[in-house]
Protein backbone atom coordinates (compact mmCIF):
# COMPACT_ATOMS: atom_id res chain seq x y z
CA UNK A 1 -15.60 27.47 6.94
CA UNK A 2 -17.96 24.52 7.05
CA UNK A 3 -18.06 21.38 4.91
CA UNK A 4 -19.75 18.03 4.80
CA UNK A 5 -16.36 16.30 4.69
CA UNK A 6 -12.86 17.45 5.52
CA UNK A 7 -10.40 14.95 4.05
CA UNK A 8 -6.96 15.18 5.63
CA UNK A 9 -4.40 13.86 3.16
CA UNK A 10 -4.32 14.18 -0.64
CA UNK A 11 -2.87 10.79 -1.50
CA UNK A 12 -4.83 8.17 -3.46
CA UNK A 13 -6.95 7.22 -0.42
CA UNK A 14 -7.87 10.80 0.38
CA UNK A 15 -8.65 11.90 -3.16
CA UNK A 16 -10.66 8.72 -3.81
CA UNK A 17 -12.70 9.46 -0.69
CA UNK A 18 -13.27 13.00 -1.91
CA UNK A 19 -14.19 11.95 -5.45
CA UNK A 20 -16.69 9.40 -4.18
CA UNK A 21 -18.24 11.90 -1.77
CA UNK A 22 -18.46 14.59 -4.45
CA UNK A 23 -20.20 12.21 -6.86
CA UNK A 24 -22.72 11.53 -4.10
CA UNK A 25 -23.40 15.25 -3.71
CA UNK A 26 -21.18 16.13 -0.75
CA UNK A 27 -19.35 19.39 -0.11
CA UNK A 28 -15.67 18.53 0.39
CA UNK A 29 -12.44 20.19 1.50
CA UNK A 30 -9.13 18.36 1.00
CA UNK A 31 -6.21 19.40 3.22
CA UNK A 32 -2.60 18.27 2.90
CA UNK A 33 0.46 19.32 4.85
CA UNK A 34 2.58 19.20 1.68
CA UNK A 35 2.78 22.13 -0.67
CA UNK A 36 3.58 19.75 -3.56
CA UNK A 37 1.25 16.75 -3.49
CA UNK A 38 2.94 13.46 -4.43
CA UNK A 39 6.41 14.67 -3.44
CA UNK A 40 8.54 13.07 -2.11
CA UNK A 41 7.73 9.72 -3.69
CA UNK A 42 7.81 6.99 -1.05
CA UNK A 43 6.71 3.85 -2.89
CA UNK A 44 7.72 1.57 -5.75
CA UNK A 45 5.09 3.22 -8.02
CA UNK A 46 3.40 -0.01 -9.14
CA UNK A 47 -0.39 -0.16 -9.29
CA UNK A 48 -2.75 -2.82 -10.62
CA UNK A 49 -5.92 -2.22 -12.58
CA UNK A 50 -8.18 -3.91 -10.03
CA UNK A 51 -8.17 -1.30 -7.24
CA UNK A 52 -8.83 1.78 -9.39
CA UNK A 53 -11.39 -0.24 -11.36
CA UNK A 54 -13.34 -1.17 -8.23
CA UNK A 55 -13.12 2.43 -7.07
CA UNK A 56 -14.47 3.52 -10.47
CA UNK A 57 -11.56 5.90 -10.93
CA UNK A 58 -9.57 5.70 -14.16
CA UNK A 59 -5.78 5.83 -13.86
CA UNK A 60 -4.73 9.13 -15.46
CA UNK A 61 -2.97 8.40 -18.75
CA UNK A 62 -0.43 11.15 -18.13
CA UNK A 63 1.01 9.27 -15.16
CA UNK A 64 1.47 5.87 -16.85
CA UNK A 65 5.13 5.16 -17.59
CA UNK A 66 5.07 1.47 -18.40
CA UNK A 67 2.36 -1.22 -18.69
CA UNK A 68 3.07 -4.38 -16.67
CA UNK A 69 1.70 -7.84 -17.43
CA UNK A 70 3.31 -9.88 -14.65
CA UNK A 71 6.35 -10.64 -12.54
CA UNK A 72 9.34 -12.85 -11.88
CA UNK A 73 10.03 -13.88 -8.29
CA UNK A 74 13.51 -15.23 -7.55
CA UNK A 75 13.99 -17.45 -4.51
CA UNK A 76 17.24 -17.16 -2.49
CA UNK A 77 19.09 -19.55 -4.85
CA UNK A 78 17.60 -17.71 -7.85
CA UNK A 79 14.91 -20.27 -8.73
CA UNK A 80 12.39 -18.23 -10.73
CA UNK A 81 8.61 -18.25 -10.40
CA UNK A 82 7.03 -16.45 -13.36
CA UNK A 83 3.58 -14.99 -13.86
CA UNK A 84 2.86 -13.36 -17.21
CA UNK A 85 -0.47 -12.44 -18.72
CA UNK A 86 -1.05 -11.76 -22.39
CA UNK A 87 -2.10 -8.19 -21.70
CA UNK A 88 -1.12 -5.67 -19.07
CA UNK A 89 -3.02 -5.80 -15.79
CA UNK A 90 -1.07 -3.04 -14.08
CA UNK A 91 1.31 -0.15 -14.55
CA UNK A 92 4.41 1.53 -13.27
CA UNK A 93 3.29 5.09 -12.72
CA UNK A 94 4.78 8.45 -11.82
CA UNK A 95 3.36 9.16 -8.37
CA UNK A 96 4.10 12.87 -8.70
CA UNK A 97 1.70 13.05 -11.62
CA UNK A 98 -0.72 10.39 -10.35
CA UNK A 99 -1.43 12.06 -7.00
CA UNK A 100 -1.72 15.51 -8.48
CA UNK A 101 -4.02 14.40 -11.31
CA UNK A 102 -6.39 12.67 -8.85
CA UNK A 103 -6.42 15.85 -6.78
CA UNK A 104 -7.18 17.86 -9.92
CA UNK A 105 -10.11 15.54 -10.70
CA UNK A 106 -11.49 16.13 -7.23
CA UNK A 107 -11.20 19.87 -7.83
CA UNK A 108 -13.01 19.59 -11.15
CA UNK A 109 -15.84 17.81 -9.35
CA UNK A 110 -16.11 20.71 -6.91
CA UNK A 111 -13.71 20.02 -4.04
CA UNK A 112 -11.90 22.86 -2.31
CA UNK A 113 -8.22 22.30 -1.51
CA UNK A 114 -5.72 23.60 1.04
CA UNK A 115 -2.11 22.57 0.47
CA UNK A 116 0.50 23.43 3.07
CA UNK A 117 -2.12 22.90 5.80
CA UNK A 118 -0.74 20.93 8.75
CA UNK A 119 -3.56 19.62 10.95
CA UNK A 120 -2.65 19.98 14.62
CA UNK A 121 -5.94 19.44 16.47
CA UNK A 122 -9.34 17.86 16.15
CA UNK A 123 -12.34 19.98 17.11
CA UNK A 124 -14.77 18.24 19.47
CA UNK A 125 -18.31 19.33 20.18
CA UNK A 126 -20.68 17.36 22.40
CA UNK A 127 -18.15 14.55 22.57
CA UNK A 128 -17.84 14.06 18.80
CA UNK A 129 -15.35 15.16 16.16
CA UNK A 130 -16.70 18.18 14.32
CA UNK A 131 -13.72 19.67 12.51
CA UNK A 132 -9.99 20.33 12.47
CA UNK A 133 -7.49 23.01 13.40
CA UNK A 134 -4.47 23.49 11.14
CA UNK A 135 -1.49 25.77 10.65
CA UNK A 136 -1.17 27.08 7.13
CA UNK A 137 1.59 29.48 6.09
CA UNK A 138 1.95 30.62 9.69
CA UNK A 139 -1.76 31.21 10.29
CA UNK A 140 -4.28 29.22 12.29
CA UNK A 141 -7.17 27.75 10.31
CA UNK A 142 -10.33 26.21 11.77
CA UNK A 143 -12.69 24.15 9.63
CA UNK A 144 -15.97 22.59 10.73
CA UNK A 145 -17.22 19.37 9.18
CA UNK A 146 -19.92 16.77 9.60
CA UNK A 147 -17.25 14.10 9.04
CA UNK A 148 -13.45 14.26 9.22
CA UNK A 149 -11.59 11.65 7.17
CA UNK A 150 -7.99 10.87 8.14
CA UNK A 151 -6.11 9.74 5.04
CA UNK A 152 -2.80 11.19 6.14
CA UNK A 153 -0.51 8.22 5.84
CA UNK A 154 1.51 5.87 7.99
CA UNK A 155 2.24 8.58 10.58
CA UNK A 156 -1.35 9.78 10.62
CA UNK A 157 -1.95 12.77 12.88
CA UNK A 158 -5.71 12.21 12.72
CA UNK A 159 -5.36 8.58 13.83
CA UNK A 160 -3.16 9.61 16.75
CA UNK A 161 -5.28 12.56 17.89
CA UNK A 162 -8.47 10.51 17.73
CA UNK A 163 -6.97 7.66 19.74
CA UNK A 164 -7.85 5.12 17.06
CA UNK A 165 -4.13 4.43 16.65
CA UNK A 166 -1.77 5.96 19.18
CA UNK A 167 1.40 4.29 17.91
CA UNK A 168 2.73 1.60 15.61
CA UNK A 169 4.81 -1.32 16.86
CA UNK A 170 8.25 -1.55 15.27
CA UNK A 171 7.62 -5.15 14.17
CA UNK A 172 4.59 -3.97 12.20
CA UNK A 173 6.66 -1.66 10.01
CA UNK A 174 8.91 -2.23 7.04
CA UNK A 175 11.72 0.18 6.28
CA UNK A 176 12.19 0.89 2.58
CA UNK A 177 14.94 2.40 0.45
CA UNK A 178 14.90 2.87 -3.30
CA UNK A 179 16.93 4.19 -6.19
CA UNK A 180 15.46 5.37 -9.44
CA UNK A 181 18.19 4.38 -11.89
CA UNK A 182 19.03 4.95 -15.54
CA UNK A 183 21.08 2.36 -17.40
CA UNK A 184 19.53 -0.72 -15.77
CA UNK A 185 19.88 -3.87 -17.87
CA UNK A 186 16.26 -4.99 -18.19
CA UNK A 187 15.45 -8.27 -19.91
CA UNK A 188 11.65 -7.99 -20.10
CA UNK A 189 10.36 -4.48 -19.71
CA UNK A 190 6.79 -5.53 -18.95
CA UNK A 191 7.66 -7.85 -16.03
CA UNK A 192 8.48 -6.75 -12.50
CA UNK A 193 11.23 -8.60 -10.63
CA UNK A 194 11.30 -9.60 -6.95
CA UNK A 195 14.19 -11.12 -5.01
CA UNK A 196 13.66 -13.01 -1.76
CA UNK A 197 15.97 -14.23 0.97
CA UNK A 198 16.76 -13.63 4.62
CA UNK A 199 20.35 -12.80 3.71
CA UNK A 200 19.45 -10.11 1.17
CA UNK A 201 16.13 -8.74 2.53
CA UNK A 202 15.09 -10.06 5.96
CA UNK A 203 11.27 -10.26 6.13
CA UNK A 204 10.93 -8.47 2.87
CA UNK A 205 12.15 -8.38 -0.70
CA UNK A 206 14.10 -6.43 -3.28
CA UNK A 207 12.21 -5.15 -6.29
CA UNK A 208 13.10 -4.00 -9.79
CA UNK A 209 10.19 -2.15 -11.39
CA UNK A 210 10.92 -1.19 -15.03
CA UNK A 211 9.90 2.30 -16.08
CA UNK A 212 11.30 1.94 -19.60
CA UNK A 213 13.79 -0.24 -21.45
CA UNK A 214 16.75 1.00 -19.39
CA UNK A 215 15.20 2.82 -16.43
CA UNK A 216 13.81 1.28 -13.24
CA UNK A 217 13.02 1.67 -9.58
CA UNK A 218 15.39 -0.61 -7.67
CA UNK A 219 14.34 -0.82 -4.05
CA UNK A 220 14.03 -2.87 -0.89
CA UNK A 221 11.65 -3.29 2.01
CA UNK A 222 12.78 -5.10 5.17
CA UNK A 223 11.30 -5.67 8.60
CA UNK A 224 12.12 -2.68 10.79
CA UNK A 225 14.77 -3.68 13.32
CA UNK A 226 15.42 -6.98 11.55
CA UNK A 227 18.70 -8.10 10.06
CA UNK A 228 22.19 -6.84 10.74
CA UNK A 229 22.15 -3.83 8.41
CA UNK A 230 20.00 -0.92 7.38
CA UNK A 231 17.67 -1.10 4.39
CA UNK A 232 20.07 1.15 2.49
CA UNK A 233 23.02 -1.16 3.21
CA UNK A 234 21.11 -4.23 2.08
CA UNK A 235 20.10 -2.37 -1.09
CA UNK A 236 23.71 -1.40 -1.80
CA UNK A 237 24.79 -5.01 -1.28
CA UNK A 238 22.27 -6.09 -3.93
CA UNK A 239 23.42 -3.45 -6.40
CA UNK A 240 27.14 -4.04 -5.83
CA UNK A 241 27.52 -7.68 -4.72
CA UNK A 242 24.49 -9.81 -5.60
CA UNK A 243 25.16 -11.88 -8.75
CA UNK A 244 22.02 -10.67 -10.48
CA UNK A 245 21.98 -7.20 -8.97
CA UNK A 246 25.51 -6.26 -9.95
CA UNK A 247 24.86 -7.58 -13.45
CA UNK A 248 21.74 -5.53 -14.16
CA UNK A 249 23.00 -2.44 -12.30
CA UNK A 250 26.60 -2.52 -13.55
CA UNK A 251 26.18 0.55 -15.75
CA UNK A 252 23.20 2.05 -13.91
CA UNK A 253 23.26 5.57 -12.49
CA UNK A 254 20.95 6.68 -9.67
CA UNK A 255 18.98 9.84 -10.41
CA UNK A 256 16.91 9.76 -7.22
CA UNK A 257 17.03 8.15 -3.76
CA UNK A 258 13.93 7.58 -1.65
CA UNK A 259 13.17 6.21 1.80
CA UNK A 260 9.92 5.40 3.56
CA UNK A 261 8.03 3.27 6.05
CA UNK A 262 5.32 0.71 5.24
CA UNK A 263 2.70 -0.35 7.81
CA UNK A 264 2.33 -4.14 7.52
CA UNK A 265 0.64 -4.92 10.84
CA UNK A 266 -2.84 -5.09 9.39
CA UNK A 267 -5.85 -2.82 9.87
CA UNK A 268 -6.50 -0.87 13.06
CA UNK A 269 -9.01 -2.61 15.34
CA UNK A 270 -11.40 0.26 14.63
CA UNK A 271 -11.34 2.94 11.95
CA UNK A 272 -14.44 4.98 12.81
CA UNK A 273 -15.59 7.18 15.67
CA UNK A 274 -18.34 9.78 16.05
CA UNK A 275 -17.77 12.12 13.10
CA UNK A 276 -14.51 10.43 12.07
CA UNK A 277 -13.20 7.86 9.56
CA UNK A 278 -9.71 6.60 8.68
CA UNK A 279 -8.62 5.47 5.20
CA UNK A 280 -5.49 3.98 3.59
CA UNK A 281 -2.20 3.75 5.48
CA UNK A 282 -3.78 5.63 8.38
CA UNK A 283 -6.26 2.77 8.70
CA UNK A 284 -3.66 0.04 8.11
CA UNK A 285 -5.27 -0.93 4.81
CA UNK A 286 -2.02 -2.30 3.38
CA UNK A 287 -1.31 -5.85 2.20
CA UNK A 288 0.78 -7.50 4.95
CA UNK A 289 2.88 -9.53 2.48
CA UNK A 290 3.38 -7.34 -0.58
CA UNK A 291 3.18 -3.96 1.14
CA UNK A 292 0.85 -2.78 -1.64
CA UNK A 293 -1.52 -0.03 -0.57
CA UNK A 294 -2.58 2.19 -3.47
CA UNK A 295 -5.39 -0.01 -4.78
CA UNK A 296 -6.72 -0.86 -1.32
CA UNK A 297 -6.71 2.82 -0.32
CA UNK A 298 -8.64 3.80 -3.43
CA UNK A 299 -11.31 1.14 -2.96
CA UNK A 300 -11.70 1.80 0.77
CA UNK A 301 -11.70 5.55 0.16
CA UNK A 302 -14.48 5.23 -2.41
CA UNK A 303 -16.54 3.29 0.14
CA UNK A 304 -15.80 5.84 2.86
CA UNK A 305 -16.88 8.82 0.76
CA UNK A 306 -20.12 7.21 -0.29
CA UNK A 307 -21.04 6.10 3.25
CA UNK A 308 -20.12 9.47 4.74
CA UNK A 309 -22.48 11.39 2.45
CA UNK A 310 -25.23 8.84 3.01
CA UNK A 311 -24.90 9.28 6.79
CA UNK A 312 -24.79 13.08 6.51
CA UNK A 313 -27.98 13.10 4.45
CA UNK A 314 -29.66 10.98 7.13
CA UNK A 315 -28.45 13.36 9.84
CA UNK A 316 -26.53 10.65 11.67
CA UNK A 317 -22.72 10.65 11.64
CA UNK A 318 -22.32 8.66 14.83
CA UNK A 319 -19.79 5.86 15.11
CA UNK A 320 -22.64 3.37 14.78
CA UNK A 321 -23.84 4.90 11.51
CA UNK A 322 -20.35 5.29 10.04
CA UNK A 323 -19.60 1.66 10.94
CA UNK A 324 -21.29 0.73 7.68
CA UNK A 325 -17.98 1.77 6.09
CA UNK A 326 -16.10 -0.64 8.38
CA UNK A 327 -18.47 -3.47 7.54
CA UNK A 328 -18.25 -2.91 3.77
CA UNK A 329 -14.50 -2.61 3.43
CA UNK A 330 -13.83 -5.49 5.83
CA UNK A 331 -16.30 -7.63 3.90
CA UNK A 332 -14.12 -7.12 0.84
CA UNK A 333 -10.62 -7.27 2.36
CA UNK A 334 -10.86 -8.33 6.00
CA UNK A 335 -10.36 -12.07 5.50
CA UNK A 336 -7.55 -11.50 3.00
CA UNK A 337 -5.66 -9.23 5.40
CA UNK A 338 -6.18 -11.61 8.31
CA UNK A 339 -4.84 -14.58 6.36
CA UNK A 340 -1.89 -12.62 5.01
CA UNK A 341 -0.94 -11.49 8.51
CA UNK A 342 -0.86 -15.12 9.57
CA UNK A 343 1.10 -16.07 6.45
CA UNK A 344 3.60 -13.30 7.12
CA UNK A 345 4.31 -14.75 10.55
CA UNK A 346 4.85 -18.19 9.01
CA UNK A 347 7.19 -16.85 6.33
CA UNK A 348 9.22 -14.93 8.92
CA UNK A 349 10.22 -18.29 10.41
CA UNK A 350 10.92 -19.95 7.07
CA UNK A 351 14.52 -20.69 6.14
CA UNK A 352 15.93 -19.73 2.75
CA UNK A 353 16.44 -23.38 1.75
CA UNK A 354 12.73 -24.04 2.28
CA UNK A 355 11.82 -21.03 0.14
CA UNK A 356 14.01 -22.51 -2.61
CA UNK A 357 12.10 -25.79 -2.44
CA UNK A 358 8.76 -23.95 -2.38
CA UNK A 359 9.73 -22.05 -5.54
CA UNK A 360 10.19 -25.38 -7.36
CA UNK A 361 6.55 -26.40 -6.86
CA UNK A 362 4.70 -23.09 -7.06
CA UNK A 363 3.51 -21.45 -10.26
CA UNK A 364 3.02 -17.73 -10.80
CA UNK A 365 -0.72 -18.31 -10.67
CA UNK A 366 -0.27 -20.01 -7.29
CA UNK A 367 1.52 -16.92 -5.95
CA UNK A 368 -1.24 -14.59 -7.17
CA UNK A 369 -3.90 -16.78 -5.57
CA UNK A 370 -1.98 -17.17 -2.29
CA UNK A 371 -1.47 -13.43 -1.83
CA UNK A 372 -5.18 -12.90 -2.47
CA UNK A 373 -6.01 -15.35 0.32
CA UNK A 374 -7.28 -18.02 -2.07
CA UNK A 375 -6.68 -21.76 -1.80
CA UNK A 376 -4.22 -23.42 -4.16
CA UNK A 377 -3.84 -27.06 -5.12
CA UNK A 378 -0.36 -28.68 -4.86
CA UNK A 379 0.83 -32.19 -4.09
CA UNK A 380 1.95 -32.40 -0.46
CA UNK A 381 3.25 -35.99 -0.67
CA UNK A 382 5.55 -35.17 -3.57
CA UNK A 383 6.90 -32.19 -1.67
CA UNK A 384 7.40 -34.27 1.51
CA UNK A 385 9.70 -36.70 -0.26
CA UNK A 386 12.05 -33.88 -1.03
CA UNK A 387 12.08 -31.86 2.18
CA UNK A 388 10.48 -32.49 5.56
CA UNK A 389 10.81 -28.80 6.46
CA UNK A 390 8.90 -27.93 3.31
CA UNK A 391 6.13 -30.31 4.28
CA UNK A 392 5.91 -28.55 7.63
CA UNK A 393 5.54 -25.21 5.84
CA UNK A 394 2.88 -26.62 3.52
CA UNK A 395 0.96 -28.01 6.47
CA UNK A 396 1.06 -24.51 7.99
CA UNK A 397 -0.42 -23.15 4.78
CA UNK A 398 -3.10 -25.82 4.86
CA UNK A 399 -3.90 -24.87 8.47
CA UNK A 400 -4.36 -21.30 7.25
CA UNK A 401 -6.75 -22.69 4.62
CA UNK A 402 -4.46 -21.61 1.79
CA UNK A 403 -3.97 -25.12 0.42
CA UNK A 404 -6.77 -27.40 -0.73
């Protein structure tokens, strides 16, 4: 078997890569080690409109459970910061349906698919990647390709085999745990809720993502190895002991439990080699503060697919040629990721009392701008009169060029 592209991984990054390549005229094979794409679900299932829009891929209507128009962030002492738009700018989706529908779209455009195919080796010829070896239903499968795209997640086999990422540092991972619950007391069904605090979610947050009027994903992400408990234990404390958590989850019943790992250490130093590209979690294309990755993976995947076909048509799939992909996606997100990595390190050292004071002066719009790496305007002198530690934090943000 021979293809222009072999895409390893059928998540949003992989299928977006395939769709983009197919639209450009490429011959594509998608391989995934799972036999049921999208299962198990390992994320909060929230996605904004921006990423899919930039990738020029419509969100399948069948997967949309609930439109979302904003959020409420609660500081450690429950000071709220609210952001609410008039119309929805995102959704809570069903990832089981979402992933499979994107894969189906790729098939309709002409992609071939192998599910249950576990890639075990990269094929090298003349010092460059030229295909993959996989085990599928007990048989060995070899596939040649002009370009191999690794979109196989946080524990990417392709990234490891290629040497582009041999391992992840523990401090660059978040551990997550999540219940899908029925009977959750939801005040505003179109607003997501986030809860911050070193005591309830060290270097992370708890989320409540409404799927309907009484059904929600209630989950947590914390810094791996941080805190005194596991992510599951912190989540149970929120559900059973936290004033707000025990109120909204008093009559809730879990119908599913999920765990996962989120790579928050920023992009790999390099995501291309001769005949090879990495996309999505495999490339570290995840927001270092929010942990969001679906939109970034779709945009970066769409760039990767387009560049790959362009290089194949020119007869040059060298690292140098494929580096156009690196340049384009880093032009869009590189500065944002770099700033958010620096901000993450600052917030890790920030005490809960300072976060409470920060919540008093920030608006929801400020939060949106900050997490996009944009400058915000607030009054430092007013803040300084209240809390010297807060002024120190604000000066850190100004040093990061996040405050005007």
